N, C-alpha and C. Protein backbone atom coordinates (compact mmCIF):
# COMPACT_ATOMS: atom_id res chain seq x y z
N MET A 1 110.99 54.70 121.31
CA MET A 1 111.64 53.42 120.99
C MET A 1 113.13 53.67 120.73
N PRO A 2 114.01 52.93 121.41
CA PRO A 2 115.45 53.09 121.16
C PRO A 2 115.80 52.73 119.72
N ARG A 3 116.90 53.27 119.24
CA ARG A 3 117.33 52.99 117.88
C ARG A 3 117.86 51.57 117.78
N THR A 4 117.35 50.82 116.81
CA THR A 4 117.86 49.49 116.54
C THR A 4 119.27 49.58 115.97
N ARG A 5 120.07 48.56 116.21
CA ARG A 5 121.43 48.51 115.67
C ARG A 5 121.65 47.20 114.91
N LEU A 6 122.64 47.20 114.06
CA LEU A 6 122.93 46.04 113.22
C LEU A 6 123.94 45.12 113.91
N TYR A 7 123.65 43.83 113.87
CA TYR A 7 124.51 42.78 114.43
C TYR A 7 124.87 41.89 113.24
N LEU A 8 126.08 41.99 112.78
CA LEU A 8 126.48 41.33 111.54
C LEU A 8 127.03 39.93 111.82
N ILE A 9 126.60 38.97 111.02
CA ILE A 9 127.08 37.59 111.14
C ILE A 9 127.86 37.24 109.88
N THR A 10 129.01 36.61 110.05
CA THR A 10 129.84 36.27 108.90
C THR A 10 129.14 35.24 108.01
N PRO A 11 129.54 35.15 106.74
CA PRO A 11 128.97 34.13 105.86
C PRO A 11 129.29 32.72 106.37
N PRO A 12 128.54 31.72 105.91
CA PRO A 12 128.77 30.34 106.35
C PRO A 12 130.17 29.83 106.02
N ALA A 13 130.74 30.34 104.93
CA ALA A 13 132.11 29.98 104.55
C ALA A 13 132.81 31.26 104.12
N LEU A 14 134.07 31.39 104.50
CA LEU A 14 134.78 32.60 104.11
C LEU A 14 136.24 32.28 103.81
N ASP A 15 136.80 33.10 102.94
CA ASP A 15 138.17 32.95 102.47
C ASP A 15 138.99 34.11 103.01
N LEU A 16 140.03 33.80 103.75
CA LEU A 16 140.83 34.85 104.37
C LEU A 16 141.53 35.73 103.34
N ALA A 17 141.65 35.24 102.12
CA ALA A 17 142.29 36.03 101.08
C ALA A 17 141.39 37.17 100.60
N SER A 18 140.07 36.98 100.70
CA SER A 18 139.16 37.98 100.16
C SER A 18 138.18 38.56 101.18
N PHE A 19 137.83 37.78 102.20
CA PHE A 19 136.77 38.24 103.09
C PHE A 19 137.12 39.50 103.88
N PRO A 20 138.36 39.70 104.34
CA PRO A 20 138.65 40.94 105.06
C PRO A 20 138.27 42.20 104.27
N ARG A 21 138.41 42.16 102.95
CA ARG A 21 138.01 43.32 102.16
C ARG A 21 136.51 43.51 102.19
N ALA A 22 135.76 42.41 102.11
CA ALA A 22 134.31 42.50 102.18
C ALA A 22 133.86 43.00 103.55
N LEU A 23 134.53 42.52 104.59
CA LEU A 23 134.19 42.95 105.94
C LEU A 23 134.48 44.44 106.13
N ALA A 24 135.64 44.87 105.67
CA ALA A 24 135.98 46.29 105.78
C ALA A 24 134.98 47.15 105.02
N ASP A 25 134.55 46.65 103.86
CA ASP A 25 133.56 47.37 103.05
C ASP A 25 132.25 47.50 103.82
N ALA A 26 131.82 46.40 104.45
CA ALA A 26 130.58 46.43 105.23
C ALA A 26 130.69 47.41 106.40
N LEU A 27 131.79 47.35 107.12
CA LEU A 27 131.96 48.19 108.29
C LEU A 27 132.06 49.67 107.92
N ALA A 28 132.45 49.95 106.69
CA ALA A 28 132.52 51.34 106.23
C ALA A 28 131.14 51.90 105.89
N GLY A 29 130.12 51.03 105.86
CA GLY A 29 128.79 51.46 105.47
C GLY A 29 128.00 52.17 106.55
N GLY A 30 128.46 52.10 107.79
CA GLY A 30 127.73 52.74 108.88
C GLY A 30 127.85 51.95 110.16
N ASP A 31 127.02 52.29 111.12
CA ASP A 31 127.09 51.71 112.45
C ASP A 31 126.84 50.20 112.43
N VAL A 32 127.75 49.45 113.02
CA VAL A 32 127.61 48.01 113.25
C VAL A 32 127.96 47.76 114.71
N SER A 33 127.05 47.17 115.45
CA SER A 33 127.28 46.98 116.89
C SER A 33 128.22 45.83 117.16
N ALA A 34 128.11 44.76 116.37
CA ALA A 34 128.90 43.55 116.62
C ALA A 34 129.05 42.77 115.34
N VAL A 35 130.11 41.97 115.29
CA VAL A 35 130.31 41.03 114.20
C VAL A 35 130.53 39.66 114.83
N GLN A 36 129.67 38.72 114.46
CA GLN A 36 129.78 37.36 115.00
C GLN A 36 130.48 36.46 113.99
N LEU A 37 131.55 35.82 114.44
CA LEU A 37 132.23 34.81 113.63
C LEU A 37 131.48 33.50 113.78
N ARG A 38 130.79 33.12 112.71
CA ARG A 38 129.95 31.93 112.75
C ARG A 38 130.40 30.98 111.65
N LEU A 39 131.11 29.92 112.03
CA LEU A 39 131.63 28.96 111.08
C LEU A 39 131.25 27.55 111.54
N LYS A 40 130.60 26.82 110.66
CA LYS A 40 130.22 25.44 110.96
C LYS A 40 131.08 24.49 110.13
N GLY A 41 131.42 23.35 110.71
CA GLY A 41 132.20 22.36 110.00
C GLY A 41 133.63 22.79 109.73
N VAL A 42 134.15 23.68 110.57
CA VAL A 42 135.51 24.17 110.43
C VAL A 42 136.29 23.79 111.69
N ASN A 43 137.51 23.34 111.53
CA ASN A 43 138.26 22.88 112.71
C ASN A 43 138.70 24.06 113.58
N ASP A 44 139.06 23.74 114.80
CA ASP A 44 139.37 24.77 115.78
C ASP A 44 140.53 25.67 115.34
N ASP A 45 141.56 25.06 114.77
CA ASP A 45 142.72 25.84 114.37
C ASP A 45 142.34 26.88 113.31
N GLU A 46 141.45 26.48 112.40
CA GLU A 46 141.03 27.41 111.35
C GLU A 46 140.18 28.55 111.94
N ILE A 47 139.32 28.22 112.88
CA ILE A 47 138.52 29.26 113.53
C ILE A 47 139.44 30.24 114.25
N LEU A 48 140.44 29.72 114.93
CA LEU A 48 141.37 30.60 115.64
C LEU A 48 142.17 31.45 114.66
N ARG A 49 142.56 30.88 113.55
CA ARG A 49 143.33 31.63 112.54
C ARG A 49 142.48 32.76 111.96
N LEU A 50 141.26 32.42 111.58
CA LEU A 50 140.37 33.43 111.01
C LEU A 50 140.00 34.48 112.04
N GLY A 51 139.72 34.02 113.25
CA GLY A 51 139.35 34.96 114.31
C GLY A 51 140.45 35.95 114.62
N ALA A 52 141.68 35.47 114.68
CA ALA A 52 142.81 36.36 114.98
C ALA A 52 142.99 37.41 113.90
N ALA A 53 142.70 37.04 112.64
CA ALA A 53 142.85 37.98 111.54
C ALA A 53 141.72 39.00 111.50
N LEU A 54 140.49 38.57 111.84
CA LEU A 54 139.33 39.44 111.69
C LEU A 54 139.07 40.33 112.90
N LYS A 55 139.45 39.86 114.07
CA LYS A 55 139.14 40.62 115.30
C LYS A 55 139.62 42.06 115.25
N PRO A 56 140.87 42.34 114.84
CA PRO A 56 141.31 43.74 114.83
C PRO A 56 140.50 44.61 113.88
N LEU A 57 140.08 44.05 112.74
CA LEU A 57 139.27 44.82 111.79
C LEU A 57 137.96 45.24 112.43
N VAL A 58 137.37 44.32 113.16
CA VAL A 58 136.08 44.58 113.81
C VAL A 58 136.25 45.60 114.93
N GLN A 59 137.21 45.35 115.80
CA GLN A 59 137.37 46.22 116.96
C GLN A 59 137.83 47.62 116.58
N ASP A 60 138.63 47.74 115.53
CA ASP A 60 139.10 49.05 115.10
C ASP A 60 137.95 49.94 114.62
N CYS A 61 136.84 49.31 114.25
CA CYS A 61 135.66 50.06 113.82
C CYS A 61 134.66 50.27 114.96
N GLY A 62 135.06 49.89 116.17
CA GLY A 62 134.21 50.11 117.33
C GLY A 62 133.12 49.07 117.53
N ALA A 63 133.19 47.96 116.79
CA ALA A 63 132.21 46.90 116.95
C ALA A 63 132.77 45.81 117.86
N ALA A 64 131.88 45.05 118.46
CA ALA A 64 132.29 43.93 119.32
C ALA A 64 132.52 42.70 118.46
N PHE A 65 133.58 41.96 118.77
CA PHE A 65 133.89 40.73 118.05
C PHE A 65 133.37 39.55 118.87
N ILE A 66 132.38 38.85 118.31
CA ILE A 66 131.68 37.77 119.01
C ILE A 66 131.96 36.45 118.30
N VAL A 67 132.19 35.40 119.06
CA VAL A 67 132.39 34.06 118.51
C VAL A 67 131.13 33.23 118.75
N ASN A 68 130.69 32.52 117.75
CA ASN A 68 129.49 31.69 117.88
C ASN A 68 129.82 30.33 118.50
N ASP A 69 128.98 29.88 119.38
CA ASP A 69 128.99 28.50 119.92
C ASP A 69 130.09 28.16 120.93
N ARG A 70 131.30 28.72 120.77
CA ARG A 70 132.46 28.16 121.44
C ARG A 70 133.09 29.13 122.45
N PRO A 71 132.67 29.06 123.71
CA PRO A 71 133.29 29.90 124.73
C PRO A 71 134.79 29.66 124.86
N ASP A 72 135.23 28.41 124.67
CA ASP A 72 136.65 28.11 124.81
C ASP A 72 137.48 28.83 123.75
N LEU A 73 136.99 28.85 122.51
CA LEU A 73 137.72 29.54 121.45
C LEU A 73 137.60 31.05 121.60
N ALA A 74 136.45 31.51 122.07
CA ALA A 74 136.29 32.94 122.32
C ALA A 74 137.30 33.41 123.36
N ALA A 75 137.52 32.58 124.38
CA ALA A 75 138.49 32.93 125.42
C ALA A 75 139.92 32.94 124.86
N LYS A 76 140.24 31.95 124.03
CA LYS A 76 141.58 31.90 123.44
C LYS A 76 141.84 33.11 122.55
N LEU A 77 140.80 33.57 121.87
CA LEU A 77 140.94 34.72 120.98
C LEU A 77 140.85 36.04 121.72
N ASP A 78 140.51 35.98 123.01
CA ASP A 78 140.21 37.19 123.78
C ASP A 78 139.17 38.02 123.03
N ALA A 79 138.15 37.33 122.56
CA ALA A 79 137.04 38.00 121.87
C ALA A 79 136.25 38.85 122.85
N ASP A 80 135.43 39.71 122.30
CA ASP A 80 134.59 40.55 123.16
C ASP A 80 133.42 39.78 123.76
N GLY A 81 133.13 38.62 123.17
CA GLY A 81 132.03 37.84 123.71
C GLY A 81 131.78 36.58 122.94
N VAL A 82 130.72 35.88 123.32
CA VAL A 82 130.33 34.62 122.70
C VAL A 82 128.82 34.57 122.62
N HIS A 83 128.32 33.88 121.60
CA HIS A 83 126.89 33.60 121.50
C HIS A 83 126.70 32.10 121.59
N VAL A 84 125.82 31.67 122.48
CA VAL A 84 125.58 30.23 122.64
C VAL A 84 124.12 29.90 122.37
N GLY A 85 123.93 28.80 121.65
CA GLY A 85 122.59 28.28 121.39
C GLY A 85 122.16 27.32 122.49
N GLN A 86 120.92 26.89 122.41
CA GLN A 86 120.40 25.99 123.43
C GLN A 86 121.11 24.64 123.41
N ALA A 87 121.68 24.25 122.26
CA ALA A 87 122.38 22.97 122.16
C ALA A 87 123.88 23.11 122.35
N ASP A 88 124.32 24.33 122.61
CA ASP A 88 125.75 24.58 122.80
C ASP A 88 126.08 24.61 124.29
N ALA A 89 127.18 25.24 124.63
CA ALA A 89 127.55 25.39 126.04
C ALA A 89 126.47 26.18 126.77
N SER A 90 126.33 25.93 128.06
CA SER A 90 125.35 26.66 128.86
C SER A 90 125.82 28.08 129.10
N TYR A 91 124.88 28.93 129.51
CA TYR A 91 125.26 30.29 129.87
C TYR A 91 126.32 30.28 130.97
N ALA A 92 126.13 29.44 131.97
CA ALA A 92 127.07 29.39 133.10
C ALA A 92 128.47 29.01 132.63
N THR A 93 128.55 28.04 131.73
CA THR A 93 129.85 27.62 131.19
C THR A 93 130.49 28.76 130.41
N ALA A 94 129.68 29.42 129.60
CA ALA A 94 130.20 30.53 128.80
C ALA A 94 130.70 31.67 129.68
N ARG A 95 129.94 31.99 130.69
CA ARG A 95 130.34 33.08 131.60
C ARG A 95 131.62 32.71 132.35
N ALA A 96 131.71 31.46 132.78
CA ALA A 96 132.90 31.03 133.51
C ALA A 96 134.13 31.09 132.62
N ALA A 97 133.97 30.77 131.35
CA ALA A 97 135.11 30.75 130.42
C ALA A 97 135.58 32.16 130.08
N LEU A 98 134.62 33.10 129.98
CA LEU A 98 134.97 34.44 129.49
C LEU A 98 135.13 35.47 130.59
N GLY A 99 134.51 35.24 131.74
CA GLY A 99 134.59 36.23 132.81
C GLY A 99 133.44 37.22 132.77
N GLY A 100 133.38 38.02 133.78
CA GLY A 100 132.23 38.89 133.96
C GLY A 100 132.16 40.10 133.07
N ASP A 101 133.28 40.47 132.42
CA ASP A 101 133.28 41.70 131.64
C ASP A 101 133.08 41.46 130.15
N LYS A 102 132.83 40.23 129.75
CA LYS A 102 132.61 39.92 128.34
C LYS A 102 131.12 39.76 128.05
N ILE A 103 130.78 39.80 126.77
CA ILE A 103 129.39 39.66 126.32
C ILE A 103 129.05 38.17 126.19
N VAL A 104 127.93 37.79 126.77
CA VAL A 104 127.40 36.44 126.55
C VAL A 104 125.95 36.58 126.10
N GLY A 105 125.69 36.16 124.87
CA GLY A 105 124.33 36.17 124.34
C GLY A 105 123.80 34.76 124.23
N VAL A 106 122.49 34.61 124.34
CA VAL A 106 121.87 33.29 124.40
C VAL A 106 120.69 33.21 123.44
N THR A 107 120.63 32.14 122.68
CA THR A 107 119.48 31.88 121.80
C THR A 107 118.27 31.51 122.64
N ALA A 108 117.12 32.13 122.29
CA ALA A 108 115.88 31.80 122.97
C ALA A 108 114.81 31.28 122.01
N HIS A 109 115.16 31.13 120.75
CA HIS A 109 114.23 30.63 119.72
C HIS A 109 112.96 31.49 119.70
N ASN A 110 111.82 30.88 120.03
CA ASN A 110 110.54 31.60 120.09
C ASN A 110 109.93 31.49 121.48
N SER A 111 110.80 31.38 122.49
CA SER A 111 110.34 31.08 123.84
C SER A 111 110.65 32.21 124.82
N ARG A 112 109.61 32.81 125.35
CA ARG A 112 109.82 33.82 126.40
C ARG A 112 110.40 33.17 127.66
N HIS A 113 110.06 31.91 127.89
CA HIS A 113 110.57 31.21 129.07
C HIS A 113 112.08 31.06 128.98
N LEU A 114 112.57 30.60 127.83
CA LEU A 114 114.03 30.46 127.66
C LEU A 114 114.71 31.82 127.76
N ALA A 115 114.08 32.83 127.19
CA ALA A 115 114.65 34.17 127.23
C ALA A 115 114.72 34.68 128.66
N MET A 116 113.68 34.45 129.43
CA MET A 116 113.66 34.93 130.81
C MET A 116 114.69 34.19 131.66
N GLU A 117 114.82 32.89 131.43
CA GLU A 117 115.84 32.13 132.15
C GLU A 117 117.24 32.70 131.87
N ALA A 118 117.51 32.97 130.60
CA ALA A 118 118.82 33.51 130.24
C ALA A 118 119.03 34.89 130.83
N ALA A 119 118.01 35.73 130.76
CA ALA A 119 118.12 37.09 131.29
C ALA A 119 118.34 37.07 132.79
N GLU A 120 117.59 36.22 133.48
CA GLU A 120 117.74 36.15 134.94
C GLU A 120 119.11 35.61 135.34
N ALA A 121 119.70 34.76 134.48
CA ALA A 121 121.04 34.22 134.77
C ALA A 121 122.12 35.28 134.55
N GLY A 122 121.80 36.29 133.75
CA GLY A 122 122.77 37.35 133.53
C GLY A 122 123.18 37.58 132.09
N ALA A 123 122.49 36.94 131.13
CA ALA A 123 122.84 37.11 129.72
C ALA A 123 122.79 38.58 129.32
N ASP A 124 123.70 38.97 128.46
CA ASP A 124 123.76 40.35 128.00
C ASP A 124 122.72 40.64 126.92
N TYR A 125 122.29 39.60 126.21
CA TYR A 125 121.18 39.75 125.28
C TYR A 125 120.58 38.37 125.03
N VAL A 126 119.35 38.36 124.54
CA VAL A 126 118.70 37.11 124.11
C VAL A 126 118.33 37.27 122.64
N ALA A 127 118.38 36.16 121.91
CA ALA A 127 118.10 36.19 120.48
C ALA A 127 116.86 35.37 120.15
N PHE A 128 115.92 36.01 119.47
CA PHE A 128 114.70 35.34 119.03
C PHE A 128 114.74 35.10 117.53
N GLY A 129 114.15 33.99 117.08
CA GLY A 129 114.07 33.70 115.66
C GLY A 129 113.97 32.19 115.42
N ALA A 130 113.84 31.79 114.19
CA ALA A 130 113.99 32.60 112.98
C ALA A 130 112.67 33.27 112.62
N PHE A 131 112.77 34.50 112.11
CA PHE A 131 111.59 35.23 111.70
C PHE A 131 111.23 34.98 110.25
N TYR A 132 112.24 34.72 109.42
CA TYR A 132 112.01 34.47 108.00
C TYR A 132 112.88 33.30 107.56
N ALA A 133 112.54 32.73 106.42
CA ALA A 133 113.33 31.63 105.86
C ALA A 133 114.74 32.14 105.55
N THR A 134 115.71 31.27 105.77
CA THR A 134 117.10 31.65 105.56
C THR A 134 117.87 30.50 104.93
N ALA A 135 118.80 30.86 104.05
CA ALA A 135 119.64 29.84 103.43
C ALA A 135 120.84 29.50 104.30
N THR A 136 121.06 30.29 105.36
CA THR A 136 122.23 30.08 106.22
C THR A 136 122.11 28.78 107.02
N LYS A 137 120.89 28.50 107.49
CA LYS A 137 120.66 27.26 108.23
C LYS A 137 119.18 26.92 108.12
N GLN A 138 118.83 25.69 108.41
CA GLN A 138 117.43 25.28 108.40
C GLN A 138 116.83 25.51 109.77
N PRO A 139 115.97 26.52 109.91
CA PRO A 139 115.45 26.83 111.24
C PRO A 139 114.60 25.69 111.80
N ALA A 140 114.80 25.43 113.08
CA ALA A 140 113.96 24.46 113.78
C ALA A 140 112.84 25.14 114.54
N HIS A 141 112.94 26.47 114.66
CA HIS A 141 111.95 27.23 115.40
C HIS A 141 111.62 28.50 114.63
N TRP A 142 110.36 28.90 114.66
CA TRP A 142 109.92 30.11 113.98
C TRP A 142 109.32 31.07 115.00
N ALA A 143 109.61 32.34 114.82
CA ALA A 143 109.12 33.36 115.74
C ALA A 143 108.32 34.41 114.98
N GLU A 144 107.41 35.06 115.69
CA GLU A 144 106.62 36.16 115.13
C GLU A 144 107.05 37.46 115.79
N PRO A 145 106.88 38.59 115.08
CA PRO A 145 107.28 39.88 115.66
C PRO A 145 106.66 40.18 117.01
N GLU A 146 105.50 39.58 117.29
CA GLU A 146 104.82 39.83 118.57
C GLU A 146 105.71 39.51 119.76
N ILE A 147 106.59 38.51 119.63
CA ILE A 147 107.43 38.15 120.78
C ILE A 147 108.39 39.29 121.12
N LEU A 148 108.79 40.06 120.12
CA LEU A 148 109.65 41.20 120.37
C LEU A 148 108.89 42.30 121.11
N GLU A 149 107.63 42.51 120.73
CA GLU A 149 106.79 43.50 121.41
C GLU A 149 106.59 43.13 122.87
N ILE A 150 106.31 41.86 123.11
CA ILE A 150 106.08 41.39 124.48
C ILE A 150 107.36 41.53 125.29
N TRP A 151 108.47 41.12 124.70
CA TRP A 151 109.74 41.18 125.42
C TRP A 151 110.09 42.63 125.78
N ALA A 152 109.89 43.54 124.85
CA ALA A 152 110.20 44.95 125.10
C ALA A 152 109.35 45.50 126.25
N ALA A 153 108.15 44.94 126.41
CA ALA A 153 107.25 45.43 127.46
C ALA A 153 107.56 44.85 128.83
N ILE A 154 108.17 43.65 128.87
CA ILE A 154 108.33 42.97 130.17
C ILE A 154 109.77 42.87 130.64
N ALA A 155 110.75 43.15 129.77
CA ALA A 155 112.13 42.88 130.13
C ALA A 155 113.03 44.06 129.76
N THR A 156 114.18 44.13 130.42
CA THR A 156 115.16 45.16 130.12
C THR A 156 116.38 44.61 129.39
N THR A 157 116.55 43.29 129.40
CA THR A 157 117.65 42.69 128.66
C THR A 157 117.43 42.87 127.16
N PRO A 158 118.41 43.37 126.43
CA PRO A 158 118.24 43.60 124.99
C PRO A 158 117.90 42.31 124.24
N CYS A 159 117.17 42.48 123.12
CA CYS A 159 116.83 41.33 122.30
C CYS A 159 117.34 41.52 120.88
N VAL A 160 117.74 40.40 120.30
CA VAL A 160 118.24 40.34 118.92
C VAL A 160 117.23 39.54 118.11
N ALA A 161 116.86 40.06 116.95
CA ALA A 161 116.04 39.31 116.00
C ALA A 161 116.95 38.70 114.94
N ILE A 162 116.70 37.43 114.59
CA ILE A 162 117.58 36.73 113.66
C ILE A 162 116.76 35.84 112.74
N GLY A 163 117.30 35.61 111.55
CA GLY A 163 116.69 34.64 110.64
C GLY A 163 116.15 35.25 109.37
N GLY A 164 116.95 35.22 108.30
CA GLY A 164 116.48 35.63 106.98
C GLY A 164 116.16 37.10 106.83
N ILE A 165 116.77 37.94 107.65
CA ILE A 165 116.42 39.36 107.65
C ILE A 165 117.15 40.08 106.51
N THR A 166 116.37 40.88 105.78
CA THR A 166 116.89 41.70 104.69
C THR A 166 116.33 43.11 104.84
N ILE A 167 116.83 44.01 104.00
CA ILE A 167 116.27 45.36 103.99
C ILE A 167 114.77 45.32 103.73
N ALA A 168 114.35 44.42 102.86
CA ALA A 168 112.95 44.38 102.43
C ALA A 168 112.00 43.94 103.53
N ASN A 169 112.46 43.11 104.48
CA ASN A 169 111.55 42.57 105.50
C ASN A 169 111.88 43.01 106.92
N ALA A 170 112.82 43.93 107.07
CA ALA A 170 113.29 44.29 108.41
C ALA A 170 112.33 45.19 109.18
N GLU A 171 111.58 46.01 108.49
CA GLU A 171 110.80 47.05 109.18
C GLU A 171 109.87 46.52 110.27
N PRO A 172 109.11 45.44 110.04
CA PRO A 172 108.23 44.96 111.12
C PRO A 172 108.98 44.58 112.39
N LEU A 173 110.20 44.08 112.26
CA LEU A 173 110.98 43.68 113.43
C LEU A 173 111.49 44.90 114.18
N VAL A 174 111.87 45.93 113.45
CA VAL A 174 112.29 47.18 114.09
C VAL A 174 111.11 47.80 114.83
N ARG A 175 109.97 47.86 114.17
CA ARG A 175 108.77 48.45 114.79
C ARG A 175 108.32 47.66 116.01
N ALA A 176 108.59 46.35 115.99
CA ALA A 176 108.17 45.49 117.12
C ALA A 176 109.08 45.65 118.33
N GLY A 177 110.23 46.29 118.16
CA GLY A 177 111.08 46.56 119.32
C GLY A 177 112.40 45.83 119.38
N ALA A 178 112.86 45.25 118.26
CA ALA A 178 114.16 44.58 118.28
C ALA A 178 115.27 45.59 118.58
N ASP A 179 116.09 45.28 119.55
CA ASP A 179 117.24 46.15 119.85
C ASP A 179 118.33 45.99 118.80
N PHE A 180 118.45 44.78 118.28
CA PHE A 180 119.46 44.48 117.26
C PHE A 180 118.83 43.58 116.20
N LEU A 181 119.25 43.76 114.96
CA LEU A 181 118.92 42.81 113.90
C LEU A 181 120.18 42.07 113.51
N ALA A 182 120.15 40.75 113.64
CA ALA A 182 121.29 39.91 113.24
C ALA A 182 121.12 39.54 111.77
N VAL A 183 122.08 39.95 110.96
CA VAL A 183 121.94 39.79 109.51
C VAL A 183 123.20 39.16 108.94
N SER A 184 123.02 38.21 108.04
CA SER A 184 124.14 37.61 107.32
C SER A 184 123.94 37.82 105.82
N GLY A 185 123.15 36.94 105.17
CA GLY A 185 122.95 37.04 103.73
C GLY A 185 122.40 38.38 103.28
N GLY A 186 121.59 39.01 104.13
CA GLY A 186 121.01 40.30 103.79
C GLY A 186 122.03 41.39 103.60
N VAL A 187 123.24 41.16 104.09
CA VAL A 187 124.35 42.09 103.86
C VAL A 187 125.30 41.55 102.79
N TRP A 188 125.77 40.32 102.98
CA TRP A 188 126.80 39.79 102.08
C TRP A 188 126.28 39.54 100.68
N GLU A 189 124.99 39.26 100.55
CA GLU A 189 124.43 38.97 99.23
C GLU A 189 123.63 40.14 98.65
N HIS A 190 123.74 41.30 99.27
CA HIS A 190 123.02 42.47 98.78
C HIS A 190 123.48 42.82 97.37
N ALA A 191 122.53 43.17 96.50
CA ALA A 191 122.84 43.41 95.09
C ALA A 191 123.86 44.52 94.88
N GLU A 192 123.88 45.49 95.79
CA GLU A 192 124.79 46.62 95.64
C GLU A 192 126.03 46.49 96.53
N GLY A 193 126.18 45.35 97.20
CA GLY A 193 127.36 45.12 98.00
C GLY A 193 127.15 45.37 99.49
N PRO A 194 128.09 44.88 100.31
CA PRO A 194 127.94 44.98 101.76
C PRO A 194 127.86 46.40 102.29
N ARG A 195 128.64 47.31 101.73
CA ARG A 195 128.62 48.69 102.24
C ARG A 195 127.24 49.31 102.04
N ALA A 196 126.67 49.11 100.86
CA ALA A 196 125.34 49.66 100.58
C ALA A 196 124.29 49.03 101.49
N ALA A 197 124.43 47.75 101.77
CA ALA A 197 123.48 47.07 102.64
C ALA A 197 123.51 47.65 104.05
N VAL A 198 124.71 47.80 104.61
CA VAL A 198 124.84 48.37 105.96
C VAL A 198 124.30 49.79 105.99
N ALA A 199 124.59 50.56 104.97
CA ALA A 199 124.08 51.93 104.91
C ALA A 199 122.55 51.94 104.86
N ALA A 200 121.97 51.01 104.10
CA ALA A 200 120.52 50.95 103.99
C ALA A 200 119.87 50.55 105.30
N PHE A 201 120.45 49.59 106.00
CA PHE A 201 119.91 49.22 107.31
C PHE A 201 119.96 50.40 108.27
N ASN A 202 121.07 51.12 108.28
CA ASN A 202 121.18 52.26 109.19
C ASN A 202 120.20 53.37 108.83
N ALA A 203 119.97 53.57 107.54
CA ALA A 203 118.98 54.57 107.13
C ALA A 203 117.59 54.17 107.62
N LEU A 204 117.28 52.88 107.55
CA LEU A 204 115.99 52.40 108.05
C LEU A 204 115.88 52.61 109.55
N PHE A 205 116.93 52.28 110.29
CA PHE A 205 116.90 52.45 111.74
C PHE A 205 116.71 53.92 112.11
N ASP A 206 117.38 54.80 111.39
CA ASP A 206 117.25 56.24 111.65
C ASP A 206 115.83 56.70 111.37
N GLU A 207 115.27 56.19 110.32
CA GLU A 207 113.92 56.61 109.90
C GLU A 207 112.87 56.21 110.93
N LEU A 208 113.07 55.04 111.56
CA LEU A 208 112.03 54.48 112.42
C LEU A 208 112.23 54.83 113.90
N VAL A 209 113.35 55.43 114.26
CA VAL A 209 113.59 55.73 115.66
C VAL A 209 112.62 56.81 116.14
N THR A 210 112.17 56.69 117.37
CA THR A 210 111.25 57.70 117.93
C THR A 210 111.79 58.19 119.25
């Protein structure tokens, strides 16, 4: 089984005066594959301002800087990629906006059909979830670890597990074959801080790799 990697998602609200320190702390904790800027109810100018400030921090640590929902803003920021949900821009729109060398990830909820459609279109990864309850958003779809096992057996496109993931509940998703775990509160709200959380996730991934 390939080693799982951490896919970090920003908090629902962040302050540019303090969040860069928290982000740097998290990135110092160990391997992070990507950081997704996920902001709801924030105007475009603010997303662009925050994105421009955070992108260098992410890229300097070797992680990909991903923008949620908005291919147009991802293109303006020259981000490494974009993640689109089923209610957001289509994969084709996202790919056209960013070009062929950028990352485009697609939400598949709990549907192998949606995941296969995205993979066949050319998505760089598909995201399944939510696996657990989360305070970040109210999930409309719930997924079981079995979908990760099935996907690993039938597809080569990487899969991301998302939704309420913490150190305490991550192991079943890793064992089921998740290539990436997308985590927000499980890092930012960790009792010992973001750096300790990232280190703990990486220790778990190392322990379970075969």
